Amino acid sequence: MAWIRTIEADEASPELSRLYAQVEDPETGQLDNVMKIHSLHPEGLAAHFSVYSSSMAGTKTLRRVERELIAVVVSGLNQCHY
């Protein structure tokens, strides 16, 4: 299994703390590891979240729930845990 060093929330710089607050789950307050792996490069975290937010935003032809379902199916086909 791969190992990637990450920075925990209690060790984060002010900039990283601000980004963590933006990307954490609003219901649980938890930070997904797929976001935390960018902690050594905050600009990468901001870019990842921007792409994710844009791709999951609803459109006239595809609702957010449908996009989430597509993501689940694709992740399953790719044998991805996320």
PDB file of N, CA and C in Angstrom:
ATOM      1  N   MET A   1       0.840  -1.183   0.000  1.00  0.00           N
ATOM      2  CA  MET A   1       0.000   0.000   0.000  1.00  0.00           C
ATOM      3  C   MET A   1       0.884   1.244   0.000  1.00  0.00           C
ATOM      4  N   ALA A   2       0.469   2.238  -0.758  1.00  0.00           N
ATOM      5  CA  ALA A   2       1.217   3.485  -0.841  1.00  0.00           C
ATOM      6  C   ALA A   2       1.064   4.287   0.446  1.00  0.00           C
ATOM      7  N   TRP A   3       2.049   5.096   0.729  1.00  0.00           N
ATOM      8  CA  TRP A   3       1.999   5.947   1.903  1.00  0.00           C
ATOM      9  C   TRP A   3       2.358   7.362   1.466  1.00  0.00           C
ATOM     10  N   ILE A   4       1.554   8.312   1.856  1.00  0.00           N
ATOM     11  CA  ILE A   4       1.784   9.710   1.522  1.00  0.00           C
ATOM     12  C   ILE A   4       1.744  10.508   2.816  1.00  0.00           C
ATOM     13  N   ARG A   5       2.800  11.261   3.075  1.00  0.00           N
ATOM     14  CA  ARG A   5       2.847  12.090   4.276  1.00  0.00           C
ATOM     15  C   ARG A   5       1.816  13.198   4.149  1.00  0.00           C
ATOM     16  N   THR A   6       1.096  13.437   5.224  1.00  0.00           N
ATOM     17  CA  THR A   6       0.080  14.491   5.247  1.00  0.00           C
ATOM     18  C   THR A   6       0.252  15.341   6.499  1.00  0.00           C
ATOM     19  N   ILE A   7      -0.370  16.484   6.474  1.00  0.00           N
ATOM     20  CA  ILE A   7      -0.352  17.394   7.619  1.00  0.00           C
ATOM     21  C   ILE A   7      -1.729  17.336   8.276  1.00  0.00           C
ATOM     22  N   GLU A   8      -1.752  17.014   9.552  1.00  0.00           N
ATOM     23  CA  GLU A   8      -3.002  16.944  10.304  1.00  0.00           C
ATOM     24  C   GLU A   8      -3.536  18.353  10.552  1.00  0.00           C
ATOM     25  N   ALA A   9      -4.827  18.453  10.800  1.00  0.00           N
ATOM     26  CA  ALA A   9      -5.478  19.748  10.987  1.00  0.00           C
ATOM     27  C   ALA A   9      -4.857  20.542  12.137  1.00  0.00           C
ATOM     28  N   ASP A  10      -4.486  19.859  13.215  1.00  0.00           N
ATOM     29  CA  ASP A  10      -3.925  20.578  14.367  1.00  0.00           C
ATOM     30  C   ASP A  10      -2.491  21.043  14.143  1.00  0.00           C
ATOM     31  N   GLU A  11      -1.876  20.639  13.032  1.00  0.00           N
ATOM     32  CA  GLU A  11      -0.514  21.060  12.684  1.00  0.00           C
ATOM     33  C   GLU A  11      -0.493  21.983  11.466  1.00  0.00           C
ATOM     34  N   ALA A  12      -1.652  22.288  10.934  1.00  0.00           N
ATOM     35  CA  ALA A  12      -1.746  23.033   9.679  1.00  0.00           C
ATOM     36  C   ALA A  12      -1.430  24.511   9.860  1.00  0.00           C
ATOM     37  N   SER A  13      -0.847  25.084   8.814  1.00  0.00           N
ATOM     38  CA  SER A  13      -0.617  26.527   8.778  1.00  0.00           C
ATOM     39  C   SER A  13      -1.975  27.224   8.668  1.00  0.00           C
ATOM     40  N   PRO A  14      -2.011  28.534   8.898  1.00  0.00           N
ATOM     41  CA  PRO A  14      -3.286  29.251   8.754  1.00  0.00           C
ATOM     42  C   PRO A  14      -3.911  29.069   7.359  1.00  0.00           C
ATOM     43  N   GLU A  15      -3.086  29.121   6.316  1.00  0.00           N
ATOM     44  CA  GLU A  15      -3.600  28.941   4.954  1.00  0.00           C
ATOM     45  C   GLU A  15      -4.193  27.546   4.775  1.00  0.00           C
ATOM     46  N   LEU A  16      -3.475  26.513   5.226  1.00  0.00           N
ATOM     47  CA  LEU A  16      -3.965  25.145   5.089  1.00  0.00           C
ATOM     48  C   LEU A  16      -5.205  24.921   5.957  1.00  0.00           C
ATOM     49  N   SER A  17      -5.244  25.503   7.132  1.00  0.00           N
ATOM     50  CA  SER A  17      -6.427  25.399   7.985  1.00  0.00           C
ATOM     51  C   SER A  17      -7.661  25.979   7.300  1.00  0.00           C
ATOM     52  N   ARG A  18      -7.474  27.109   6.635  1.00  0.00           N
ATOM     53  CA  ARG A  18      -8.580  27.742   5.904  1.00  0.00           C
ATOM     54  C   ARG A  18      -9.077  26.815   4.788  1.00  0.00           C
ATOM     55  N   LEU A  19      -8.140  26.200   4.062  1.00  0.00           N
ATOM     56  CA  LEU A  19      -8.523  25.270   2.994  1.00  0.00           C
ATOM     57  C   LEU A  19      -9.204  24.031   3.555  1.00  0.00           C
ATOM     58  N   TYR A  20      -8.665  23.499   4.645  1.00  0.00           N
ATOM     59  CA  TYR A  20      -9.294  22.336   5.278  1.00  0.00           C
ATOM     60  C   TYR A  20     -10.744  22.645   5.636  1.00  0.00           C
ATOM     61  N   ALA A  21     -10.988  23.835   6.166  1.00  0.00           N
ATOM     62  CA  ALA A  21     -12.344  24.216   6.553  1.00  0.00           C
ATOM     63  C   ALA A  21     -13.273  24.261   5.342  1.00  0.00           C
ATOM     64  N   GLN A  22     -12.748  24.614   4.178  1.00  0.00           N
ATOM     65  CA  GLN A  22     -13.554  24.679   2.956  1.00  0.00           C
ATOM     66  C   GLN A  22     -13.897  23.296   2.421  1.00  0.00           C
ATOM     67  N   VAL A  23     -12.980  22.333   2.572  1.00  0.00           N
ATOM     68  CA  VAL A  23     -13.182  21.030   1.935  1.00  0.00           C
ATOM     69  C   VAL A  23     -13.695  19.950   2.875  1.00  0.00           C
ATOM     70  N   GLU A  24     -13.804  20.238   4.158  1.00  0.00           N
ATOM     71  CA  GLU A  24     -14.296  19.206   5.078  1.00  0.00           C
ATOM     72  C   GLU A  24     -15.788  18.968   4.860  1.00  0.00           C
ATOM     73  N   ASP A  25     -16.227  17.789   5.224  1.00  0.00           N
ATOM     74  CA  ASP A  25     -17.637  17.427   5.103  1.00  0.00           C
ATOM     75  C   ASP A  25     -18.446  18.313   6.042  1.00  0.00           C
ATOM     76  N   PRO A  26     -19.406  19.064   5.518  1.00  0.00           N
ATOM     77  CA  PRO A  26     -20.153  19.990   6.378  1.00  0.00           C
ATOM     78  C   PRO A  26     -21.002  19.289   7.433  1.00  0.00           C
ATOM     79  N   GLU A  27     -21.390  18.049   7.192  1.00  0.00           N
ATOM     80  CA  GLU A  27     -22.218  17.329   8.156  1.00  0.00           C
ATOM     81  C   GLU A  27     -21.402  16.688   9.270  1.00  0.00           C
ATOM     82  N   THR A  28     -20.221  16.156   8.925  1.00  0.00           N
ATOM     83  CA  THR A  28     -19.429  15.429   9.919  1.00  0.00           C
ATOM     84  C   THR A  28     -18.212  16.208  10.394  1.00  0.00           C
ATOM     85  N   GLY A  29     -17.792  17.202   9.620  1.00  0.00           N
ATOM     86  CA  GLY A  29     -16.578  17.942   9.958  1.00  0.00           C
ATOM     87  C   GLY A  29     -15.305  17.174   9.644  1.00  0.00           C
ATOM     88  N   GLN A  30     -15.446  16.020   8.988  1.00  0.00           N
ATOM     89  CA  GLN A  30     -14.276  15.202   8.666  1.00  0.00           C
ATOM     90  C   GLN A  30     -13.671  15.622   7.341  1.00  0.00           C
ATOM     91  N   LEU A  31     -12.373  15.406   7.237  1.00  0.00           N
ATOM     92  CA  LEU A  31     -11.622  15.719   6.028  1.00  0.00           C
ATOM     93  C   LEU A  31     -11.278  14.415   5.325  1.00  0.00           C
ATOM     94  N   ASP A  32     -11.715  14.267   4.083  1.00  0.00           N
ATOM     95  CA  ASP A  32     -11.418  13.058   3.321  1.00  0.00           C
ATOM     96  C   ASP A  32      -9.924  12.963   3.042  1.00  0.00           C
ATOM     97  N   ASN A  33      -9.396  11.751   3.124  1.00  0.00           N
ATOM     98  CA  ASN A  33      -7.975  11.532   2.839  1.00  0.00           C
ATOM     99  C   ASN A  33      -7.605  11.945   1.427  1.00  0.00           C
ATOM    100  N   VAL A  34      -8.546  11.798   0.483  1.00  0.00           N
ATOM    101  CA  VAL A  34      -8.251  12.181  -0.896  1.00  0.00           C
ATOM    102  C   VAL A  34      -7.965  13.689  -0.989  1.00  0.00           C
ATOM    103  N   MET A  35      -8.475  14.469  -0.068  1.00  0.00           N
ATOM    104  CA  MET A  35      -8.149  15.896  -0.018  1.00  0.00           C
ATOM    105  C   MET A  35      -6.887  16.134   0.817  1.00  0.00           C
ATOM    106  N   LYS A  36      -6.771  15.400   1.918  1.00  0.00           N
ATOM    107  CA  LYS A  36      -5.637  15.598   2.818  1.00  0.00           C
ATOM    108  C   LYS A  36      -4.293  15.262   2.164  1.00  0.00           C
ATOM    109  N   ILE A  37      -4.299  14.403   1.138  1.00  0.00           N
ATOM    110  CA  ILE A  37      -3.019  14.071   0.491  1.00  0.00           C
ATOM    111  C   ILE A  37      -2.376  15.281  -0.171  1.00  0.00           C
ATOM    112  N   HIS A  38      -3.147  16.337  -0.364  1.00  0.00           N
ATOM    113  CA  HIS A  38      -2.605  17.567  -0.956  1.00  0.00           C
ATOM    114  C   HIS A  38      -2.042  18.514   0.097  1.00  0.00           C
ATOM    115  N   SER A  39      -2.005  18.103   1.336  1.00  0.00           N
ATOM    116  CA  SER A  39      -1.646  19.024   2.417  1.00  0.00           C
ATOM    117  C   SER A  39      -0.238  19.601   2.301  1.00  0.00           C
ATOM    118  N   LEU A  40       0.666  18.898   1.645  1.00  0.00           N
ATOM    119  CA  LEU A  40       2.017  19.430   1.473  1.00  0.00           C
ATOM    120  C   LEU A  40       2.083  20.474   0.362  1.00  0.00           C
ATOM    121  N   HIS A  41       1.005  20.579  -0.403  1.00  0.00           N
ATOM    122  CA  HIS A  41       0.943  21.542  -1.508  1.00  0.00           C
ATOM    123  C   HIS A  41      -0.454  22.169  -1.509  1.00  0.00           C
ATOM    124  N   PRO A  42      -0.678  23.178  -0.659  1.00  0.00           N
ATOM    125  CA  PRO A  42      -2.007  23.770  -0.534  1.00  0.00           C
ATOM    126  C   PRO A  42      -2.607  24.253  -1.856  1.00  0.00           C
ATOM    127  N   GLU A  43      -1.770  24.721  -2.771  1.00  0.00           N
ATOM    128  CA  GLU A  43      -2.282  25.164  -4.069  1.00  0.00           C
ATOM    129  C   GLU A  43      -2.921  23.990  -4.818  1.00  0.00           C
ATOM    130  N   GLY A  44      -2.328  22.805  -4.676  1.00  0.00           N
ATOM    131  CA  GLY A  44      -2.895  21.607  -5.291  1.00  0.00           C
ATOM    132  C   GLY A  44      -4.229  21.234  -4.661  1.00  0.00           C
ATOM    133  N   LEU A  45      -4.340  21.411  -3.351  1.00  0.00           N
ATOM    134  CA  LEU A  45      -5.603  21.152  -2.651  1.00  0.00           C
ATOM    135  C   LEU A  45      -6.686  22.089  -3.163  1.00  0.00           C
ATOM    136  N   ALA A  46      -6.362  23.359  -3.280  1.00  0.00           N
ATOM    137  CA  ALA A  46      -7.337  24.341  -3.772  1.00  0.00           C
ATOM    138  C   ALA A  46      -7.760  24.004  -5.202  1.00  0.00           C
ATOM    139  N   ALA A  47      -6.807  23.615  -6.040  1.00  0.00           N
ATOM    140  CA  ALA A  47      -7.124  23.268  -7.427  1.00  0.00           C
ATOM    141  C   ALA A  47      -7.990  22.014  -7.497  1.00  0.00           C
ATOM    142  N   HIS A  48      -7.647  20.984  -6.703  1.00  0.00           N
ATOM    143  CA  HIS A  48      -8.434  19.747  -6.681  1.00  0.00           C
ATOM    144  C   HIS A  48      -9.866  20.054  -6.278  1.00  0.00           C
ATOM    145  N   PHE A  49     -10.041  20.836  -5.239  1.00  0.00           N
ATOM    146  CA  PHE A  49     -11.383  21.152  -4.764  1.00  0.00           C
ATOM    147  C   PHE A  49     -12.160  21.956  -5.803  1.00  0.00           C
ATOM    148  N   SER A  50     -11.473  22.847  -6.508  1.00  0.00           N
ATOM    149  CA  SER A  50     -12.125  23.639  -7.544  1.00  0.00           C
ATOM    150  C   SER A  50     -12.636  22.746  -8.673  1.00  0.00           C
ATOM    151  N   VAL A  51     -11.800  21.818  -9.112  1.00  0.00           N
ATOM    152  CA  VAL A  51     -12.216  20.886 -10.172  1.00  0.00           C
ATOM    153  C   VAL A  51     -13.375  20.021  -9.685  1.00  0.00           C
ATOM    154  N   TYR A  52     -13.258  19.484  -8.468  1.00  0.00           N
ATOM    155  CA  TYR A  52     -14.323  18.647  -7.907  1.00  0.00           C
ATOM    156  C   TYR A  52     -15.632  19.436  -7.821  1.00  0.00           C
ATOM    157  N   SER A  53     -15.565  20.642  -7.283  1.00  0.00           N
ATOM    158  CA  SER A  53     -16.776  21.453  -7.124  1.00  0.00           C
ATOM    159  C   SER A  53     -17.426  21.751  -8.469  1.00  0.00           C
ATOM    160  N   SER A  54     -16.608  22.074  -9.447  1.00  0.00           N
ATOM    161  CA  SER A  54     -17.139  22.368 -10.781  1.00  0.00           C
ATOM    162  C   SER A  54     -17.771  21.151 -11.420  1.00  0.00           C
ATOM    163  N   SER A  55     -17.121  20.013 -11.282  1.00  0.00           N
ATOM    164  CA  SER A  55     -17.639  18.804 -11.938  1.00  0.00           C
ATOM    165  C   SER A  55     -18.882  18.263 -11.248  1.00  0.00           C
ATOM    166  N   MET A  56     -19.066  18.545  -9.972  1.00  0.00           N
ATOM    167  CA  MET A  56     -20.220  18.021  -9.246  1.00  0.00           C
ATOM    168  C   MET A  56     -21.376  19.016  -9.160  1.00  0.00           C
ATOM    169  N   ALA A  57     -21.197  20.208  -9.683  1.00  0.00           N
ATOM    170  CA  ALA A  57     -22.280  21.193  -9.669  1.00  0.00           C
ATOM    171  C   ALA A  57     -23.388  20.729 -10.609  1.00  0.00           C
ATOM    172  N   GLY A  58     -24.600  20.933 -10.206  1.00  0.00           N
ATOM    173  CA  GLY A  58     -25.729  20.536 -11.032  1.00  0.00           C
ATOM    174  C   GLY A  58     -25.840  21.373 -12.301  1.00  0.00           C
ATOM    175  N   THR A  59     -26.415  20.790 -13.315  1.00  0.00           N
ATOM    176  CA  THR A  59     -26.682  21.499 -14.558  1.00  0.00           C
ATOM    177  C   THR A  59     -28.149  21.276 -14.913  1.00  0.00           C
ATOM    178  N   LYS A  60     -28.594  21.866 -15.997  1.00  0.00           N
ATOM    179  CA  LYS A  60     -29.974  21.686 -16.421  1.00  0.00           C
ATOM    180  C   LYS A  60     -30.251  20.240 -16.820  1.00  0.00           C
ATOM    181  N   THR A  61     -29.234  19.542 -17.295  1.00  0.00           N
ATOM    182  CA  THR A  61     -29.456  18.186 -17.805  1.00  0.00           C
ATOM    183  C   THR A  61     -29.058  17.077 -16.834  1.00  0.00           C
ATOM    184  N   LEU A  62     -28.281  17.393 -15.809  1.00  0.00           N
ATOM    185  CA  LEU A  62     -27.809  16.360 -14.896  1.00  0.00           C
ATOM    186  C   LEU A  62     -27.774  16.914 -13.476  1.00  0.00           C
ATOM    187  N   ARG A  63     -28.559  16.313 -12.596  1.00  0.00           N
ATOM    188  CA  ARG A  63     -28.594  16.770 -11.207  1.00  0.00           C
ATOM    189  C   ARG A  63     -27.362  16.259 -10.444  1.00  0.00           C
ATOM    190  N   ARG A  64     -27.095  16.877  -9.309  1.00  0.00           N
ATOM    191  CA  ARG A  64     -25.941  16.483  -8.492  1.00  0.00           C
ATOM    192  C   ARG A  64     -26.016  15.013  -8.083  1.00  0.00           C
ATOM    193  N   VAL A  65     -27.188  14.548  -7.694  1.00  0.00           N
ATOM    194  CA  VAL A  65     -27.328  13.157  -7.270  1.00  0.00           C
ATOM    195  C   VAL A  65     -26.956  12.211  -8.419  1.00  0.00           C
ATOM    196  N   GLU A  66     -27.303  12.589  -9.635  1.00  0.00           N
ATOM    197  CA  GLU A  66     -26.944  11.758 -10.790  1.00  0.00           C
ATOM    198  C   GLU A  66     -25.431  11.767 -11.019  1.00  0.00           C
ATOM    199  N   ARG A  67     -24.819  12.903 -10.832  1.00  0.00           N
ATOM    200  CA  ARG A  67     -23.350  12.985 -10.959  1.00  0.00           C
ATOM    201  C   ARG A  67     -22.663  12.129  -9.894  1.00  0.00           C
ATOM    202  N   GLU A  68     -23.195  12.161  -8.672  1.00  0.00           N
ATOM    203  CA  GLU A  68     -22.638  11.340  -7.583  1.00  0.00           C
ATOM    204  C   GLU A  68     -22.762   9.854  -7.921  1.00  0.00           C
ATOM    205  N   LEU A  69     -23.905   9.454  -8.468  1.00  0.00           N
ATOM    206  CA  LEU A  69     -24.093   8.055  -8.848  1.00  0.00           C
ATOM    207  C   LEU A  69     -23.115   7.639  -9.942  1.00  0.00           C
ATOM    208  N   ILE A  70     -22.896   8.502 -10.900  1.00  0.00           N
ATOM    209  CA  ILE A  70     -21.918   8.215 -11.951  1.00  0.00           C
ATOM    210  C   ILE A  70     -20.536   8.054 -11.340  1.00  0.00           C
ATOM    211  N   ALA A  71     -20.180   8.928 -10.413  1.00  0.00           N
ATOM    212  CA  ALA A  71     -18.870   8.842  -9.759  1.00  0.00           C
ATOM    213  C   ALA A  71     -18.716   7.524  -9.009  1.00  0.00           C
ATOM    214  N   VAL A  72     -19.775   7.071  -8.336  1.00  0.00           N
ATOM    215  CA  VAL A  72     -19.728   5.808  -7.603  1.00  0.00           C
ATOM    216  C   VAL A  72     -19.517   4.640  -8.565  1.00  0.00           C
ATOM    217  N   VAL A  73     -20.244   4.636  -9.666  1.00  0.00           N
ATOM    218  CA  VAL A  73     -20.112   3.553 -10.646  1.00  0.00           C
ATOM    219  C   VAL A  73     -18.711   3.539 -11.253  1.00  0.00           C
ATOM    220  N   VAL A  74     -18.217   4.696 -11.656  1.00  0.00           N
ATOM    221  CA  VAL A  74     -16.883   4.769 -12.253  1.00  0.00           C
ATOM    222  C   VAL A  74     -15.817   4.342 -11.251  1.00  0.00           C
ATOM    223  N   SER A  75     -15.944   4.778  -9.995  1.00  0.00           N
ATOM    224  CA  SER A  75     -14.981   4.383  -8.966  1.00  0.00           C
ATOM    225  C   SER A  75     -15.012   2.872  -8.767  1.00  0.00           C
ATOM    226  N   GLY A  76     -16.202   2.291  -8.781  1.00  0.00           N
ATOM    227  CA  GLY A  76     -16.311   0.837  -8.647  1.00  0.00           C
ATOM    228  C   GLY A  76     -15.660   0.113  -9.807  1.00  0.00           C
ATOM    229  N   LEU A  77     -15.904   0.575 -11.014  1.00  0.00           N
ATOM    230  CA  LEU A  77     -15.288  -0.034 -12.198  1.00  0.00           C
ATOM    231  C   LEU A  77     -13.770   0.071 -12.162  1.00  0.00           C
ATOM    232  N   ASN A  78     -13.290   1.178 -11.621  1.00  0.00           N
ATOM    233  CA  ASN A  78     -11.838   1.389 -11.507  1.00  0.00           C
ATOM    234  C   ASN A  78     -11.241   0.741 -10.254  1.00  0.00           C
ATOM    235  N   GLN A  79     -12.075   0.084  -9.465  1.00  0.00           N
ATOM    236  CA  GLN A  79     -11.667  -0.546  -8.212  1.00  0.00           C
ATOM    237  C   GLN A  79     -11.013   0.486  -7.271  1.00  0.00           C
ATOM    238  N   CYS A  80     -11.606   1.657  -7.237  1.00  0.00           N
ATOM    239  CA  CYS A  80     -11.123   2.742  -6.396  1.00  0.00           C
ATOM    240  C   CYS A  80     -11.941   2.775  -5.120  1.00  0.00           C
ATOM    241  N   HIS A  81     -11.301   2.974  -3.986  1.00  0.00           N
ATOM    242  CA  HIS A  81     -12.001   3.007  -2.716  1.00  0.00           C
ATOM    243  C   HIS A  81     -12.742   4.323  -2.502  1.00  0.00           C
ATOM    244  N   TYR A  82     -12.473   5.317  -3.323  1.00  0.00           N
ATOM    245  CA  TYR A  82     -13.164   6.602  -3.203  1.00  0.00           C
ATOM    246  C   TYR A  82     -14.265   6.666  -4.220  1.00  0.00           C
TER     247      TYR A  82
END
